[in-house]
Protein backbone atom coordinates (compact mmCIF):
# COMPACT_ATOMS: atom_id res chain seq x y z
CA MET A 1 141.37 -44.34 -39.78
CA SER A 2 143.57 -44.26 -36.84
CA LYS A 3 144.62 -41.14 -35.51
CA THR A 4 147.97 -39.48 -35.40
CA PRO A 5 150.02 -40.38 -32.35
CA THR A 6 150.17 -36.61 -30.38
CA PRO A 7 153.51 -35.40 -29.03
CA GLY A 8 154.18 -36.29 -25.85
CA ARG A 9 153.04 -39.88 -25.26
CA SER A 10 155.06 -42.50 -23.41
CA THR A 11 156.59 -45.23 -24.32
CA GLY A 12 154.00 -47.72 -23.32
CA GLN A 13 150.92 -45.01 -24.77
CA LYS A 14 153.06 -45.49 -28.17
CA ILE A 15 153.26 -49.34 -27.77
CA GLU A 16 149.42 -49.54 -26.90
CA HIS A 17 148.51 -46.80 -29.97
CA ALA A 18 150.62 -49.45 -32.34
CA ILE A 19 148.63 -52.63 -31.40
CA GLU A 20 145.75 -50.53 -31.55
CA LYS A 21 146.43 -49.63 -35.52
CA ALA A 22 147.51 -52.97 -36.11
CA LEU A 23 144.29 -54.75 -35.10
CA ASP A 24 141.77 -56.17 -37.34
CA PRO A 25 139.14 -53.95 -38.40
CA LEU A 26 136.56 -55.73 -36.56
CA ALA A 27 137.79 -54.96 -33.02
CA THR A 28 137.44 -50.75 -34.11
CA ALA A 29 133.91 -51.75 -35.28
CA LEU A 30 132.62 -52.90 -32.26
CA LYS A 31 134.51 -50.37 -30.40
CA ARG A 32 132.39 -47.37 -32.00
CA ALA A 33 129.02 -49.95 -32.06
CA THR A 34 129.10 -50.38 -28.51
CA LYS A 35 129.85 -46.76 -26.85
CA PRO A 36 127.84 -46.12 -24.08
CA VAL A 37 124.26 -44.27 -24.70
CA HIS A 38 123.88 -41.74 -22.88
CA ALA A 39 120.06 -40.59 -23.45
CA PRO A 40 117.41 -42.58 -21.02
CA VAL A 41 116.23 -46.35 -22.65
CA ALA A 42 112.92 -47.54 -21.42
CA SER A 43 113.22 -51.38 -19.89
CA ALA A 44 111.60 -53.87 -21.76
CA PRO A 45 108.19 -55.64 -21.20
CA GLY A 46 109.72 -58.80 -20.74
CA LYS A 47 112.96 -60.58 -19.61
CA PRO A 48 114.20 -58.06 -16.92
CA GLY A 49 117.49 -56.28 -17.58
CA LEU A 50 116.77 -55.67 -21.72
CA GLN A 51 116.17 -52.25 -22.84
CA VAL A 52 113.98 -51.37 -25.51
CA SER A 53 115.22 -51.56 -29.13
CA PRO A 54 115.35 -48.45 -30.26
CA LEU A 55 114.06 -50.21 -33.60
CA ALA A 56 110.57 -50.65 -32.19
CA VAL A 57 107.81 -49.79 -33.75
CA PRO A 58 104.38 -49.67 -31.58
CA PHE A 59 101.81 -52.46 -31.37
CA PRO A 60 98.69 -52.13 -33.46
CA THR A 61 95.10 -51.43 -32.48
CA ILE A 62 94.07 -54.95 -33.66
CA PRO A 63 90.36 -55.17 -33.45
CA PRO A 64 88.47 -58.40 -32.80
CA ILE A 65 88.87 -61.15 -35.24
CA ALA A 66 85.38 -62.79 -35.58
CA GLY A 67 85.90 -66.64 -34.06
CA VAL A 68 88.59 -66.04 -31.75
CA GLU A 69 88.91 -65.39 -28.23
CA ILE A 70 92.42 -65.59 -26.08
CA ALA A 71 93.69 -65.43 -22.61
CA THR A 72 97.24 -65.11 -20.73
CA ALA A 73 98.39 -66.33 -17.62
CA ARG A 74 101.26 -66.69 -15.69
CA ALA A 75 102.12 -70.59 -15.51
CA GLY A 76 105.51 -69.79 -13.97
CA PHE A 77 107.88 -71.00 -16.34
CA TYR A 78 109.89 -67.51 -16.27
CA LYS A 79 111.18 -66.94 -11.89
CA HIS A 80 110.09 -63.25 -12.75
CA GLU A 81 106.59 -61.49 -12.58
CA ARG A 82 104.96 -61.93 -16.30
CA ASP A 83 102.31 -63.97 -18.02
CA ASP A 84 104.11 -66.63 -20.32
CA LEU A 85 101.10 -68.88 -21.09
CA VAL A 86 98.63 -68.10 -24.57
CA VAL A 87 95.65 -70.06 -25.25
CA PHE A 88 93.78 -69.12 -28.53
CA SER A 89 89.83 -70.69 -28.50
CA PHE A 90 88.51 -70.64 -32.04
CA ALA A 91 85.27 -71.26 -33.29
CA ARG A 92 83.54 -74.61 -34.76
CA GLY A 93 85.33 -75.44 -38.11
CA THR A 94 88.37 -72.95 -38.05
CA THR A 95 90.59 -74.31 -40.97
CA CYS A 96 94.53 -74.41 -40.13
CA ALA A 97 97.67 -74.78 -41.96
CA GLY A 98 101.35 -73.88 -40.78
CA VAL A 99 104.82 -74.14 -41.95
CA PHE A 100 107.70 -75.52 -39.43
CA THR A 101 111.51 -75.55 -39.22
CA ARG A 102 113.58 -77.87 -41.02
CA HIS A 103 115.94 -78.24 -38.47
CA LYS A 104 117.16 -81.37 -37.25
CA VAL A 105 116.41 -81.56 -34.02
CA GLY A 106 112.58 -80.56 -34.20
CA SER A 107 110.69 -79.92 -30.71
CA ALA A 108 107.79 -81.83 -29.34
CA PRO A 109 105.57 -79.12 -30.34
CA VAL A 110 106.63 -79.06 -33.68
CA ASP A 111 106.52 -82.83 -34.02
CA TRP A 112 102.88 -82.54 -32.49
CA CYS A 113 101.55 -80.30 -35.26
CA ARG A 114 103.14 -81.12 -38.28
CA ARG A 115 101.67 -84.89 -37.57
CA HIS A 116 98.25 -83.90 -37.06
CA LEU A 117 98.36 -81.28 -39.75
CA ASP A 118 99.91 -83.61 -42.65
CA ALA A 119 97.14 -86.35 -41.50
CA SER A 120 94.60 -86.80 -44.22
CA ASP A 121 91.84 -84.69 -43.05
CA GLY A 122 94.21 -82.52 -40.95
CA GLY A 123 93.19 -78.61 -40.49
CA LYS A 124 89.91 -79.32 -41.08
CA ASP A 125 88.86 -78.39 -37.46
CA VAL A 126 91.53 -76.74 -35.08
CA ARG A 127 89.94 -75.57 -32.11
CA ALA A 128 92.76 -74.29 -29.70
CA LEU A 129 96.38 -72.90 -30.14
CA VAL A 130 98.49 -73.29 -26.29
CA VAL A 131 101.61 -71.40 -26.52
CA ASN A 132 104.11 -71.30 -24.04
CA ALA A 133 107.11 -69.18 -23.27
CA GLY A 134 110.44 -70.18 -21.10
CA CYS A 135 110.46 -73.72 -22.04
CA ALA A 136 111.16 -74.54 -25.94
CA ASN A 137 110.62 -78.66 -24.91
CA ALA A 138 112.72 -79.55 -27.58
CA PHE A 139 115.64 -82.30 -27.20
CA THR A 140 113.43 -83.59 -24.61
CA GLY A 141 112.91 -87.17 -26.30
CA LYS A 142 110.03 -89.29 -24.95
CA ALA A 143 109.10 -87.16 -21.74
CA GLY A 144 108.61 -84.16 -24.01
CA ALA A 145 106.48 -85.98 -26.53
CA ASP A 146 104.52 -86.86 -23.18
CA ALA A 147 104.22 -83.80 -22.20
CA ALA A 148 103.08 -82.30 -25.30
CA ARG A 149 100.25 -84.91 -25.50
CA ARG A 150 99.49 -84.11 -22.27
CA THR A 151 98.67 -80.74 -22.91
CA ALA A 152 97.00 -81.07 -25.72
CA SER A 153 94.43 -83.65 -23.70
CA GLU A 154 94.61 -81.45 -20.81
CA VAL A 155 92.95 -78.17 -23.26
CA ALA A 156 90.79 -80.90 -25.24
CA LYS A 157 89.08 -81.78 -22.41
CA ARG A 158 88.23 -78.02 -21.26
CA PHE A 159 87.26 -77.10 -24.96
CA GLY A 160 85.10 -80.19 -25.33
CA CYS A 161 87.24 -81.59 -29.12
CA ARG A 162 89.93 -83.86 -29.89
CA GLN A 163 93.58 -83.99 -28.95
CA ARG A 164 94.28 -83.48 -32.60
CA ASP A 165 92.55 -80.41 -32.95
CA VAL A 166 95.04 -78.74 -30.24
CA MET A 167 98.09 -76.98 -32.13
CA LEU A 168 100.87 -76.46 -29.76
CA ALA A 169 104.11 -74.07 -29.97
CA SER A 170 106.90 -73.62 -27.20
CA THR A 171 109.93 -71.09 -27.03
CA GLY A 172 112.56 -70.93 -24.49
CA VAL A 173 115.41 -73.12 -22.77
CA ILE A 174 116.31 -76.03 -25.19
CA GLY A 175 116.28 -79.60 -23.52
CA VAL A 176 114.46 -79.07 -20.29
CA VAL A 177 111.22 -80.83 -20.50
CA LEU A 178 107.91 -78.69 -20.45
CA ASP A 179 106.01 -79.37 -17.16
CA ASP A 180 102.52 -79.35 -18.24
CA ARG A 181 100.98 -79.76 -14.65
CA LYS A 182 101.72 -75.50 -14.52
CA ILE A 183 99.64 -75.12 -18.10
CA ALA A 184 96.83 -77.72 -16.85
CA ALA A 185 96.74 -75.43 -13.35
CA ARG A 186 96.12 -72.44 -15.13
CA MET A 187 93.50 -73.53 -17.44
CA PRO A 188 90.27 -72.45 -15.08
CA ASP A 189 91.73 -68.78 -15.13
CA ILE A 190 92.41 -69.03 -18.57
CA GLU A 191 88.41 -70.30 -19.90
CA ALA A 192 87.28 -67.07 -17.81
CA GLY A 193 89.83 -65.11 -19.14
CA LEU A 194 88.90 -65.66 -22.79
CA ASP A 195 88.49 -62.24 -24.65
CA PRO A 196 88.44 -61.24 -28.73
CA ASP A 197 90.38 -58.45 -27.49
CA GLY A 198 93.30 -60.04 -25.99
CA TRP A 199 96.25 -59.61 -28.71
CA ALA A 200 97.99 -57.43 -27.32
CA LYS A 201 98.48 -59.39 -24.32
CA ALA A 202 99.20 -62.30 -26.51
CA GLY A 203 101.95 -60.28 -28.01
CA LEU A 204 103.52 -59.75 -24.78
CA GLY A 205 102.64 -63.26 -23.58
CA ILE A 206 104.88 -65.37 -25.99
CA MET A 207 108.22 -62.96 -25.60
CA THR A 208 111.55 -64.37 -24.81
CA THR A 209 114.51 -62.21 -24.98
CA ASP A 210 112.02 -59.98 -27.46
CA THR A 211 111.88 -55.94 -26.27
CA PHE A 212 108.56 -55.14 -27.54
CA PRO A 213 105.40 -56.96 -28.48
CA LYS A 214 105.11 -58.14 -32.40
CA GLY A 215 101.87 -57.77 -33.96
CA SER A 216 100.53 -56.91 -37.18
CA PHE A 217 96.42 -56.26 -38.98
CA ALA A 218 95.23 -55.94 -42.26
CA GLU A 219 91.62 -56.01 -43.95
CA CYS A 220 90.39 -56.92 -47.58
CA GLN A 221 87.32 -57.71 -49.42
CA ILE A 222 86.08 -60.70 -50.33
CA GLU A 223 82.65 -60.44 -52.76
CA GLY A 224 81.58 -57.70 -50.51
CA HIS A 225 82.58 -58.98 -47.17
CA THR A 226 85.30 -57.37 -45.01
CA VAL A 227 87.33 -59.93 -44.42
CA ARG A 228 90.47 -59.34 -40.91
CA ILE A 229 94.00 -60.65 -40.65
CA ALA A 230 95.83 -60.45 -37.78
CA GLY A 231 98.80 -61.56 -36.53
CA ILE A 232 101.67 -61.66 -33.94
CA ALA A 233 105.02 -63.36 -33.53
CA LYS A 234 107.99 -63.47 -31.44
CA GLY A 235 112.04 -63.86 -32.44
CA SER A 236 114.87 -61.75 -31.43
CA GLY A 237 117.84 -63.82 -31.47
CA MET A 238 118.45 -67.26 -33.05
CA ILE A 239 117.05 -65.93 -36.02
CA ALA A 240 117.70 -67.11 -39.52
CA PRO A 241 114.34 -69.00 -40.77
CA ASP A 242 114.62 -71.85 -42.62
CA MET A 243 111.40 -72.70 -42.06
CA ALA A 244 110.69 -70.32 -39.57
CA THR A 245 113.32 -68.92 -36.81
CA MET A 246 110.49 -67.67 -35.08
CA LEU A 247 106.49 -68.60 -33.88
CA ALA A 248 104.34 -66.53 -35.51
CA PHE A 249 100.19 -66.84 -35.29
CA ILE A 250 98.30 -65.50 -37.96
CA VAL A 251 94.14 -65.56 -37.74
CA THR A 252 91.53 -64.46 -40.54
CA ASP A 253 87.81 -64.48 -40.50
CA ALA A 254 87.96 -65.79 -44.12
CA ASP A 255 86.19 -68.81 -44.97
CA ILE A 256 89.24 -70.66 -46.54
CA HIS A 257 90.16 -74.53 -47.24
CA PRO A 258 93.28 -76.03 -45.14
CA SER A 259 95.10 -76.86 -48.97
CA VAL A 260 94.52 -73.40 -49.77
CA LEU A 261 95.73 -72.26 -46.76
CA ARG A 262 98.96 -74.20 -47.40
CA ALA A 263 99.66 -73.03 -50.71
CA LEU A 264 99.48 -69.68 -49.40
CA LEU A 265 102.08 -69.83 -46.35
CA GLY A 266 104.35 -72.05 -48.92
CA LEU A 267 104.10 -68.97 -51.11
CA HIS A 268 104.57 -66.00 -48.69
CA VAL A 269 106.97 -67.44 -46.10
CA ARG A 270 109.56 -67.53 -49.04
CA THR A 271 109.54 -63.89 -49.41
CA THR A 272 108.84 -62.71 -45.52
CA PHE A 273 110.14 -65.23 -42.86
CA ASN A 274 112.36 -66.89 -44.62
CA SER A 275 113.90 -63.74 -45.46
CA VAL A 276 115.24 -61.91 -42.40
CA THR A 277 118.11 -62.88 -40.54
CA VAL A 278 119.78 -61.61 -37.39
CA ASP A 279 122.38 -63.92 -36.22
CA GLY A 280 122.50 -66.69 -38.76
CA ASP A 281 120.96 -69.63 -36.26
CA THR A 282 117.89 -71.59 -36.94
CA SER A 283 115.62 -72.42 -34.07
CA THR A 284 114.44 -75.97 -33.02
CA ASN A 285 111.05 -74.33 -32.11
CA ASP A 286 110.25 -72.29 -35.82
CA THR A 287 106.43 -72.24 -36.44
CA CYS A 288 104.26 -70.66 -38.42
CA LEU A 289 100.39 -71.13 -38.04
CA LEU A 290 97.46 -69.39 -40.15
CA PHE A 291 93.85 -70.16 -38.78
CA ALA A 292 90.61 -69.01 -40.69
CA THR A 293 87.91 -69.44 -38.67
CA GLY A 294 84.91 -68.35 -41.71
CA ALA A 295 83.04 -66.32 -39.36
CA SER A 296 83.23 -63.21 -41.53
CA GLY A 297 80.17 -64.48 -43.77
CA ALA A 298 82.62 -64.48 -47.29
CA PRO A 299 81.86 -67.17 -49.00
CA ARG A 300 84.24 -70.36 -49.21
CA ILE A 301 87.38 -70.53 -51.14
CA GLY A 302 88.27 -74.21 -51.69
CA ARG A 303 90.65 -73.72 -54.49
CA VAL A 304 94.30 -72.37 -54.99
CA GLY A 305 93.39 -70.39 -58.05
CA ASP A 306 90.18 -68.62 -57.30
CA ARG A 307 90.45 -64.93 -58.55
CA ARG A 308 88.54 -63.84 -55.15
CA LEU A 309 92.06 -64.84 -53.40
CA LYS A 310 94.22 -62.30 -54.94
CA ALA A 311 92.93 -59.32 -52.48
CA PHE A 312 93.58 -61.64 -49.50
CA SER A 313 96.66 -63.12 -50.12
CA ALA A 314 97.95 -59.23 -50.88
CA ALA A 315 97.08 -58.29 -47.57
CA LEU A 316 98.19 -62.02 -46.00
CA ASP A 317 101.47 -60.88 -47.18
CA LYS A 318 101.86 -57.41 -46.02
CA VAL A 319 100.53 -59.00 -42.08
CA MET A 320 103.73 -61.57 -42.78
CA LEU A 321 106.19 -59.06 -43.96
CA ASP A 322 105.07 -56.50 -41.50
CA LEU A 323 105.57 -59.35 -38.39
CA ALA A 324 109.19 -60.41 -40.39
CA HIS A 325 110.34 -56.88 -40.34
CA GLN A 326 109.62 -56.39 -36.66
CA LEU A 327 111.86 -59.44 -35.46
CA VAL A 328 114.96 -57.79 -37.42
CA ARG A 329 114.14 -54.51 -35.73
CA ASP A 330 113.76 -56.47 -32.33
CA GLY A 331 117.38 -58.14 -33.22
CA GLU A 332 119.22 -58.82 -29.95
CA GLY A 333 121.24 -55.68 -29.55
CA ALA A 334 120.45 -53.91 -32.79
CA THR A 335 120.88 -50.46 -33.59
CA LYS A 336 120.53 -50.53 -37.39
CA PHE A 337 117.52 -52.14 -39.90
CA VAL A 338 119.31 -52.76 -43.13
CA LYS A 339 117.87 -54.11 -46.36
CA VAL A 340 120.24 -55.85 -48.67
CA THR A 341 119.36 -56.44 -52.32
CA VAL A 342 120.99 -58.64 -54.57
CA ASP A 343 120.17 -57.34 -58.16
CA GLY A 344 121.97 -59.31 -61.23
CA ALA A 345 122.01 -62.77 -60.34
CA ALA A 346 122.30 -65.89 -62.24
CA SER A 347 118.79 -67.31 -60.84
CA PRO A 348 116.80 -66.18 -58.02
CA ALA A 349 118.22 -68.72 -55.53
CA SER A 350 121.70 -67.62 -56.41
CA ALA A 351 120.44 -63.94 -55.60
CA ARG A 352 119.08 -64.72 -52.31
CA LYS A 353 122.18 -67.23 -51.13
CA LEU A 354 124.15 -64.05 -52.02
CA ALA A 355 121.67 -61.67 -50.15
CA LYS A 356 121.92 -64.09 -47.54
CA SER A 357 125.64 -63.89 -47.05
CA ILE A 358 125.95 -60.75 -46.64
CA ALA A 359 123.27 -60.10 -44.35
CA ASP A 360 124.97 -63.15 -42.31
CA SER A 361 128.35 -61.72 -42.65
CA PRO A 362 130.06 -61.03 -38.71
CA LEU A 363 132.03 -58.64 -40.32
CA VAL A 364 129.98 -56.81 -42.51
CA LYS A 365 127.13 -56.26 -39.62
CA THR A 366 130.03 -54.72 -37.15
CA ALA A 367 130.90 -52.32 -39.39
CA LEU A 368 127.11 -51.19 -40.17
CA ALA A 369 127.33 -51.22 -36.09
CA GLY A 370 130.32 -49.25 -36.14
CA GLU A 371 128.63 -46.92 -39.17
CA ASP A 372 131.72 -48.14 -41.26
CA ALA A 373 130.42 -48.22 -45.07
CA ASN A 374 133.47 -50.79 -45.72
CA TRP A 375 131.98 -52.15 -49.02
CA GLY A 376 135.25 -54.61 -49.02
CA ARG A 377 133.36 -57.00 -46.43
CA VAL A 378 130.61 -56.65 -48.58
CA VAL A 379 133.14 -58.12 -51.53
CA MET A 380 134.20 -60.56 -49.71
CA ALA A 381 130.83 -61.96 -48.25
CA VAL A 382 129.40 -61.70 -52.24
CA GLY A 383 133.10 -63.58 -53.35
CA LYS A 384 132.87 -66.65 -50.83
CA THR A 385 129.35 -67.83 -51.95
CA GLU A 386 130.88 -69.63 -54.92
CA GLU A 387 127.40 -68.32 -56.83
CA PRO A 388 127.95 -66.81 -60.18
CA VAL A 389 129.46 -63.57 -60.23
CA ASP A 390 131.02 -61.15 -62.68
CA ARG A 391 133.86 -59.41 -60.99
CA ASP A 392 134.57 -56.74 -63.58
CA SER A 393 130.89 -55.82 -63.61
CA LEU A 394 130.31 -56.07 -59.64
CA ALA A 395 128.47 -52.46 -58.26
CA ILE A 396 127.65 -51.60 -54.44
CA ARG A 397 125.69 -48.79 -53.38
CA PHE A 398 124.68 -47.88 -49.83
CA GLY A 399 121.51 -45.85 -50.27
CA PRO A 400 121.57 -43.51 -53.10
CA HIS A 401 125.52 -43.43 -52.95
CA GLN A 402 127.98 -45.47 -55.20
CA ALA A 403 130.64 -47.42 -53.15
CA ALA A 404 132.05 -49.33 -56.10
CA SER A 405 131.03 -50.22 -59.91
CA ASP A 406 132.36 -52.10 -62.87
CA GLY A 407 134.46 -54.08 -60.40
CA ALA A 408 136.39 -51.26 -58.75
CA PRO A 409 135.93 -48.14 -56.02
CA ALA A 410 133.50 -45.63 -58.27
CA PRO A 411 135.25 -42.29 -59.52
CA THR A 412 132.27 -40.53 -57.36
CA TYR A 413 132.67 -41.93 -54.22
CA ASP A 414 132.35 -39.37 -51.52
CA GLU A 415 133.15 -40.50 -48.03
CA ALA A 416 131.50 -37.55 -45.94
CA LYS A 417 128.45 -38.70 -47.59
CA MET A 418 128.89 -42.04 -47.03
CA SER A 419 129.53 -41.47 -43.51
CA ALA A 420 126.84 -38.92 -42.98
CA TYR A 421 124.47 -42.32 -44.76
CA MET A 422 125.83 -44.42 -42.28
CA LYS A 423 124.56 -43.12 -38.88
CA ARG A 424 120.93 -43.55 -40.26
CA PRO A 425 118.78 -46.41 -38.56
CA GLU A 426 118.00 -47.43 -41.55
CA ILE A 427 120.41 -48.29 -44.34
CA ASP A 428 119.75 -50.05 -47.67
CA ILE A 429 122.66 -51.92 -49.40
CA THR A 430 122.71 -52.88 -52.89
CA VAL A 431 124.68 -54.79 -54.87
CA ASP A 432 124.62 -56.12 -58.74
CA VAL A 433 126.61 -59.28 -59.25
CA GLY A 434 126.19 -58.89 -63.08
CA SER A 435 125.50 -62.65 -63.90
CA GLY A 436 122.37 -62.29 -65.02
CA ARG A 437 118.68 -60.91 -63.96
CA ALA A 438 117.19 -62.44 -61.12
CA SER A 439 117.11 -60.51 -57.56
CA ALA A 440 115.89 -61.12 -54.09
CA THR A 441 116.05 -59.31 -50.69
CA VAL A 442 116.87 -60.16 -47.77
CA TRP A 443 116.37 -58.15 -44.05
CA THR A 444 119.20 -58.06 -41.39
CA CYS A 445 120.32 -55.99 -38.45
CA ASP A 446 123.64 -54.96 -37.31
CA LEU A 447 125.80 -56.75 -34.43
CA THR A 448 126.81 -55.39 -31.58
CA LYS A 449 128.09 -56.15 -28.00
CA ARG A 450 124.87 -56.12 -26.58
CA TYR A 451 124.25 -59.33 -28.93
CA ILE A 452 127.18 -60.87 -26.84
CA GLU A 453 125.32 -59.72 -23.35
CA ILE A 454 122.01 -61.24 -23.99
CA ASN A 455 123.02 -64.81 -25.11
CA GLY A 456 125.58 -64.87 -22.30
CA ASP A 457 123.10 -63.96 -19.68
CA TYR A 458 119.88 -66.44 -21.37
CA ARG A 459 119.43 -68.63 -19.17
CA SER A 460 119.69 -66.50 -16.03
């Protein structure tokens, strides 16, 4: 709401005030959202100059996962001092499945992994994973593909396996060919540094504009055997997965056939990594890989309908959702973690489109940054989708507070309570569109001036 002009203002001040009052609310929201933070903020361990997200969570304690060792090194893809190369070494017989971006300009590592995992016996004996940060090796043509192949060849020689048994992933600047010589030069250090306790270093090594490393861990039982699941992920901007805008690597010591791993990934990706958005942009390098070493001693599971999968499936979903939420918490410039739920939709697909429309809207996200419960922008985001919506039944809540009901402002609307709620770091928005019984949930963050600053300075 605009302030009343104070007496004694100059003509210039009055004109300035009139202009400010006439501006779109977007400008006001941005102004409120970008006030300087006076409390000291820790520097991020990744790119210099970034501050750790106020929504950050600590990296968990991840015990060794039987059948996998990890090492990190500085290959030099970044100018500053940091590890930017991560290598996983897997026990013989490790199975693997992956889901990848559907972006039309997929990267060379994505092409490599997809081709070999889609082969008739793909994913049955994967022995290594090589991840580099600082160079996406995307939109690099034959030169990029050759660099990926040479990387796999070098690692295969050292680990005593076939090239096809080496998975690859890259993240960083698009349009730069990977200098695979930098990876080859560090392989002696990688081999010497392989460690089953390397999860925390790996989480740091794959970061780009991330401000904190992301990890998750869970356990379950398969016929009396304790099975472990651990994962790391990276992603902060260019996050609007269409499997999946980020990199995620999950390892379990369960013994599971590749086809079962594929089914589990397909099941859980939709409601985890594909249900988060930071800025609506999908990456060229999205990769989620799931490895099963079989070293826990639990019996092998070779069928999707096996009842013994129930507990494992729940634990895997927990790890994936935790990692997906951390991506949003580290959204570039984010100060709010936001859960958007759409109820009463005509179908699950419709509910998802409606929720994504709200979560991706710059106007909604800047209002959240400005701590403004501008539910009119939610109405806008719902109506523009062309999905079935009953206008006269539309209802909107921010947390427990009703903003709209029956297609109009709620008679119980309380501005003071709503304003107090919007100051919270975690916000729930629930919309009932009155067209059916389907629901969907998407997680997002607010949009602040810091997002512009980070991306305006991305290549430096």
